[in-house]
Amino acid sequence: MTEHQIDLYARISHSRTADEVVQQIELLILEGVLRDGDRLPGERELSRRFDVSRPILREALKELETRGLLESRHGGGTFVADVVGQIFSKPLVELIGRHSKATQDYLEYRRELEGLTAELAATRATDFDRDILTRVIERMREAHRSGNFDEELEADIELHNAIGESAHNIILLHTLRACYRLLTRGIFFHRNTIFGAPGARDRLLAQHEAIYAAVMARDPQAAKWAAQSHIDFVAAAAREAERSGEWARIAQLRLQQRDRTRDS
């Protein structure tokens, strides 16, 4: 660690109780610094960095596990639990997946969230946030150049997450992460159908570049417009993919019927 880096698990400077440790780790999770699945340092290392005794640290970790924020894996250490979870119950997710109206409602909801988030990010992003955004957009550009489809999809979600972090609003951050989880699981539509449309990858990259440029230029109105325009494109592409899929289904049924009629 260099002299300019901040230790995630900084020395407890007050009473050095388990409650102090609990509060510090809770804040790291709440602020999105620690994410689902992140592994905490080992007990000896963590107690040294917090400057607390190992019994105090164990008490704190046990309390965080009880609260559902950490989980111990046998032989594997301590990890941040799935705090985002599933935004909807399993029956509701399955219900949503069976009805196309939910897709448009989801995108309408995301349009407003993304617009507000990009607007705030353009106003609030620190130099460190801007560095993260630059790294992610460069990763996206490289994946686009190399034709690495899966990497580009991952960078897409990571860029939106980074913009959410740059907005410095805890509620927005975790709401968006829950929304992205549904998206990556293909609950509303398969992103492959949108990325796979002719020219879509180039247009999507250009849209992400526009959001990035507006945030970096500290232009909140341009950032909001770019983010909402991006969702408008995704919504239109989802409608077109659904319509094309329905046309293909009907055409297949007609072909099958013609074959049956000819063979009879």
Protein backbone atom coordinates (compact mmCIF):
# COMPACT_ATOMS: atom_id res chain seq x y z
CA MET A 1 0.00 0.00 0.00
CA THR A 2 1.44 3.41 -0.96
CA GLU A 3 1.32 6.42 1.33
CA HIS A 4 -1.55 7.93 -0.68
CA GLN A 5 -3.83 4.88 -0.49
CA ILE A 6 -6.59 4.60 2.08
CA ASP A 7 -6.86 1.38 4.07
CA LEU A 8 -10.34 -0.10 3.70
CA TYR A 9 -10.14 -1.54 7.19
CA ALA A 10 -8.77 1.52 8.95
CA ARG A 11 -7.61 1.49 12.55
CA ILE A 12 -10.47 1.88 15.03
CA SER A 13 -9.68 5.15 16.77
CA HIS A 14 -12.28 5.24 19.54
CA SER A 15 -13.26 2.65 22.11
CA ARG A 16 -12.19 -0.31 19.93
CA THR A 17 -15.31 -2.32 20.64
CA ALA A 18 -17.03 -4.87 18.44
CA ASP A 19 -19.72 -2.27 17.70
CA GLU A 20 -17.10 0.04 16.19
CA VAL A 21 -15.90 -2.73 13.88
CA VAL A 22 -19.48 -3.63 12.94
CA GLN A 23 -20.27 -0.02 12.07
CA GLN A 24 -17.18 0.38 9.90
CA ILE A 25 -17.84 -2.76 7.88
CA GLU A 26 -21.54 -1.92 7.58
CA LEU A 27 -20.68 1.47 6.10
CA LEU A 28 -18.32 -0.13 3.57
CA ILE A 29 -21.18 -2.38 2.43
CA LEU A 30 -23.77 0.40 2.49
CA GLU A 31 -21.59 2.72 0.42
CA GLY A 32 -20.98 -0.03 -2.13
CA VAL A 33 -17.24 -0.21 -1.43
CA LEU A 34 -17.59 -3.87 -0.45
CA ARG A 35 -19.77 -5.81 -2.89
CA ASP A 36 -21.55 -9.13 -2.80
CA GLY A 37 -19.01 -11.95 -2.79
CA ASP A 38 -16.01 -9.83 -1.78
CA ARG A 39 -13.69 -11.74 0.54
CA LEU A 40 -12.52 -10.09 3.76
CA PRO A 41 -8.88 -10.44 4.84
CA GLY A 42 -8.04 -13.23 7.26
CA GLU A 43 -8.75 -12.81 10.96
CA ARG A 44 -5.13 -12.05 11.94
CA GLU A 45 -4.71 -9.47 9.17
CA LEU A 46 -8.09 -7.85 9.84
CA SER A 47 -7.53 -7.54 13.59
CA ARG A 48 -4.12 -5.95 12.92
CA ARG A 49 -5.55 -3.40 10.49
CA PHE A 50 -8.47 -2.50 12.74
CA ASP A 51 -6.09 -2.54 15.70
CA VAL A 52 -8.49 -4.57 17.80
CA SER A 53 -8.10 -7.87 19.60
CA ARG A 54 -9.11 -11.05 17.81
CA PRO A 55 -11.91 -11.80 20.34
CA ILE A 56 -13.42 -8.36 19.58
CA LEU A 57 -13.07 -8.98 15.85
CA ARG A 58 -14.73 -12.42 16.12
CA GLU A 59 -17.63 -10.87 18.04
CA ALA A 60 -18.07 -8.23 15.36
CA LEU A 61 -17.95 -10.74 12.49
CA LYS A 62 -20.45 -12.97 14.26
CA GLU A 63 -22.83 -10.03 14.68
CA LEU A 64 -22.49 -9.13 10.99
CA GLU A 65 -23.26 -12.73 10.05
CA THR A 66 -26.33 -12.66 12.29
CA ARG A 67 -27.47 -9.52 10.46
CA GLY A 68 -27.07 -11.34 7.14
CA LEU A 69 -24.29 -9.07 5.90
CA LEU A 70 -21.41 -11.55 6.01
CA GLU A 71 -21.16 -15.29 5.50
CA SER A 72 -18.46 -17.78 6.43
CA ARG A 73 -17.52 -20.49 3.97
CA HIS A 74 -15.94 -23.57 5.45
CA GLY A 75 -12.23 -23.45 4.71
CA GLY A 76 -12.72 -20.43 2.48
CA GLY A 77 -12.92 -17.38 4.71
CA THR A 78 -15.49 -14.65 5.30
CA PHE A 79 -17.37 -13.01 2.44
CA VAL A 80 -19.88 -10.22 1.94
CA ALA A 81 -23.30 -11.85 1.70
CA ASP A 82 -25.78 -11.35 -1.10
CA VAL A 83 -27.11 -8.09 0.31
CA VAL A 84 -28.74 -7.01 -2.95
CA GLY A 85 -30.77 -10.19 -3.08
CA GLN A 86 -33.75 -10.57 -5.34
CA ILE A 87 -35.78 -7.41 -5.72
CA PHE A 88 -38.97 -9.40 -6.29
CA SER A 89 -40.18 -12.76 -5.00
CA LYS A 90 -39.60 -15.79 -7.23
CA PRO A 91 -43.31 -16.16 -8.17
CA LEU A 92 -43.48 -12.47 -9.14
CA VAL A 93 -40.29 -12.73 -11.21
CA GLU A 94 -41.77 -15.70 -13.08
CA LEU A 95 -45.02 -13.80 -13.57
CA ILE A 96 -43.15 -10.80 -14.94
CA GLY A 97 -41.23 -13.04 -17.33
CA ARG A 98 -44.48 -14.32 -18.86
CA HIS A 99 -45.92 -10.89 -19.70
CA SER A 100 -44.29 -8.47 -22.12
CA LYS A 101 -45.87 -5.37 -20.59
CA ALA A 102 -43.54 -5.77 -17.63
CA THR A 103 -40.52 -5.28 -19.92
CA GLN A 104 -41.68 -1.87 -21.05
CA ASP A 105 -42.61 -0.88 -17.49
CA TYR A 106 -39.15 -1.98 -16.31
CA LEU A 107 -37.47 0.12 -18.99
CA GLU A 108 -39.70 3.09 -18.25
CA TYR A 109 -38.67 2.83 -14.59
CA ARG A 110 -35.01 2.45 -15.50
CA ARG A 111 -35.18 5.43 -17.87
CA GLU A 112 -36.00 7.76 -15.00
CA LEU A 113 -33.48 6.14 -12.63
CA GLU A 114 -30.67 6.18 -15.19
CA GLY A 115 -31.36 9.79 -16.11
CA LEU A 116 -31.26 10.95 -12.49
CA THR A 117 -28.18 8.83 -11.76
CA ALA A 118 -26.19 10.19 -14.71
CA GLU A 119 -27.25 13.72 -13.82
CA LEU A 120 -26.02 13.32 -10.25
CA ALA A 121 -22.83 11.57 -11.39
CA ALA A 122 -21.97 14.52 -13.65
CA THR A 123 -22.32 16.80 -10.64
CA ARG A 124 -20.79 14.65 -7.92
CA ALA A 125 -18.16 12.37 -9.50
CA THR A 126 -14.77 12.69 -7.82
CA ASP A 127 -11.44 12.30 -9.58
CA PHE A 128 -11.33 8.71 -8.31
CA ASP A 129 -14.82 8.03 -9.76
CA ARG A 130 -13.73 9.49 -13.08
CA ASP A 131 -10.67 7.23 -13.07
CA ILE A 132 -12.90 4.18 -12.55
CA LEU A 133 -15.26 5.30 -15.34
CA THR A 134 -12.32 5.74 -17.70
CA ARG A 135 -10.99 2.26 -16.94
CA VAL A 136 -14.40 0.71 -17.58
CA ILE A 137 -15.03 2.56 -20.85
CA GLU A 138 -11.55 1.58 -22.07
CA ARG A 139 -12.35 -2.03 -21.23
CA MET A 140 -15.59 -1.70 -23.20
CA ARG A 141 -13.79 -0.18 -26.19
CA GLU A 142 -11.22 -2.99 -26.21
CA ALA A 143 -13.92 -5.67 -25.99
CA HIS A 144 -15.74 -3.97 -28.87
CA ARG A 145 -12.59 -3.81 -31.00
CA SER A 146 -11.71 -7.44 -30.36
CA GLY A 147 -15.28 -8.66 -30.85
CA ASN A 148 -15.41 -10.14 -27.36
CA PHE A 149 -19.19 -10.17 -26.97
CA ASP A 150 -19.36 -11.49 -23.39
CA GLU A 151 -16.70 -9.06 -22.17
CA GLU A 152 -18.56 -6.15 -23.77
CA LEU A 153 -21.79 -7.18 -22.04
CA GLU A 154 -20.00 -7.34 -18.70
CA ALA A 155 -18.42 -3.92 -19.27
CA ASP A 156 -21.87 -2.55 -20.14
CA ILE A 157 -23.26 -3.46 -16.71
CA GLU A 158 -20.04 -2.39 -14.97
CA LEU A 159 -20.20 1.05 -16.57
CA HIS A 160 -23.77 1.56 -15.37
CA ASN A 161 -22.70 0.39 -11.91
CA ALA A 162 -19.78 2.81 -11.90
CA ILE A 163 -22.06 5.69 -12.88
CA GLY A 164 -24.37 4.65 -10.04
CA GLU A 165 -21.44 4.76 -7.63
CA SER A 166 -20.42 8.18 -8.95
CA ALA A 167 -23.87 9.57 -8.10
CA HIS A 168 -23.09 9.08 -4.40
CA ASN A 169 -26.67 8.23 -3.46
CA ILE A 170 -26.91 5.01 -1.46
CA ILE A 171 -30.55 4.26 -2.31
CA LEU A 172 -30.02 4.80 -6.04
CA LEU A 173 -26.89 2.65 -5.93
CA HIS A 174 -28.55 -0.42 -4.44
CA THR A 175 -31.80 0.00 -6.40
CA LEU A 176 -29.86 0.05 -9.66
CA ARG A 177 -27.79 -2.98 -8.68
CA ALA A 178 -31.00 -4.92 -8.02
CA CYS A 179 -32.35 -3.82 -11.43
CA TYR A 180 -29.16 -4.89 -13.20
CA ARG A 181 -29.31 -8.29 -11.53
CA LEU A 182 -32.72 -8.94 -13.09
CA LEU A 183 -31.32 -7.80 -16.44
CA THR A 184 -28.28 -10.08 -16.33
CA ARG A 185 -30.54 -13.03 -15.54
CA GLY A 186 -32.59 -12.36 -18.67
CA ILE A 187 -35.84 -11.85 -16.75
CA PHE A 188 -37.17 -9.16 -19.09
CA PHE A 189 -35.34 -9.85 -22.33
CA HIS A 190 -32.12 -11.45 -23.46
CA ARG A 191 -29.51 -8.78 -24.07
CA ASN A 192 -28.06 -10.98 -26.82
CA THR A 193 -31.12 -10.22 -28.95
CA ILE A 194 -30.42 -6.50 -28.70
CA PHE A 195 -26.63 -6.70 -29.06
CA GLY A 196 -27.08 -9.09 -31.98
CA ALA A 197 -29.23 -6.75 -34.10
CA PRO A 198 -27.45 -5.28 -37.15
CA GLY A 199 -25.40 -2.24 -36.13
CA ALA A 200 -26.61 -2.42 -32.52
CA ARG A 201 -23.21 -2.94 -30.93
CA ASP A 202 -21.80 0.18 -32.61
CA ARG A 203 -24.81 2.25 -31.58
CA LEU A 204 -24.72 0.99 -28.01
CA LEU A 205 -21.02 1.79 -27.71
CA ALA A 206 -21.66 5.29 -29.04
CA GLN A 207 -24.46 5.75 -26.47
CA HIS A 208 -22.22 4.65 -23.62
CA GLU A 209 -19.47 6.94 -24.89
CA ALA A 210 -21.95 9.85 -24.85
CA ILE A 211 -22.95 9.17 -21.23
CA TYR A 212 -19.30 8.86 -20.23
CA ALA A 213 -18.31 12.06 -22.05
CA ALA A 214 -21.12 14.06 -20.43
CA VAL A 215 -20.24 12.84 -16.93
CA MET A 216 -16.56 13.58 -17.52
CA ALA A 217 -17.47 17.06 -18.83
CA ARG A 218 -19.54 17.66 -15.67
CA ASP A 219 -22.60 18.42 -17.81
CA PRO A 220 -25.63 17.09 -15.86
CA GLN A 221 -28.26 17.87 -18.49
CA ALA A 222 -26.25 16.24 -21.29
CA ALA A 223 -25.61 13.21 -19.05
CA LYS A 224 -29.31 12.85 -18.25
CA TRP A 225 -30.28 13.17 -21.91
CA ALA A 226 -27.63 10.64 -23.02
CA ALA A 227 -28.67 8.11 -20.36
CA GLN A 228 -32.38 8.40 -21.19
CA SER A 229 -31.71 8.24 -24.93
CA HIS A 230 -29.79 5.03 -24.34
CA ILE A 231 -32.75 3.45 -22.52
CA ASP A 232 -35.12 4.68 -25.27
CA PHE A 233 -32.99 2.80 -27.79
CA VAL A 234 -32.96 -0.36 -25.66
CA ALA A 235 -36.75 -0.16 -25.23
CA ALA A 236 -37.28 0.22 -28.99
CA ALA A 237 -34.87 -2.65 -29.69
CA ALA A 238 -36.67 -4.88 -27.17
CA ARG A 239 -40.03 -4.14 -28.82
CA GLU A 240 -38.58 -4.89 -32.24
CA ALA A 241 -37.00 -8.13 -31.04
CA GLU A 242 -40.31 -9.23 -29.55
CA ARG A 243 -42.20 -8.31 -32.71
CA SER A 244 -39.68 -10.07 -34.96
CA GLY A 245 -39.84 -13.15 -32.75
CA GLU A 246 -43.63 -13.20 -32.99
CA TRP A 247 -43.47 -12.79 -36.77
CA ALA A 248 -41.02 -15.70 -36.99
CA ARG A 249 -43.31 -17.85 -34.82
CA ILE A 250 -46.34 -17.12 -37.02
CA ALA A 251 -44.38 -17.72 -40.23
CA GLN A 252 -43.18 -21.06 -38.86
CA LEU A 253 -46.76 -22.08 -38.03
CA ARG A 254 -47.88 -21.15 -41.58
CA LEU A 255 -45.04 -23.18 -43.08
CA GLN A 256 -45.89 -26.19 -40.91
CA GLN A 257 -49.56 -25.93 -41.87
CA ARG A 258 -48.70 -25.76 -45.58
CA ASP A 259 -46.48 -28.83 -45.25
CA ARG A 260 -49.28 -30.75 -43.51
CA THR A 261 -51.78 -29.72 -46.19
CA ARG A 262 -49.42 -30.76 -48.99
CA ASP A 263 -48.66 -34.14 -47.36
CA SER A 264 -52.32 -34.97 -46.68
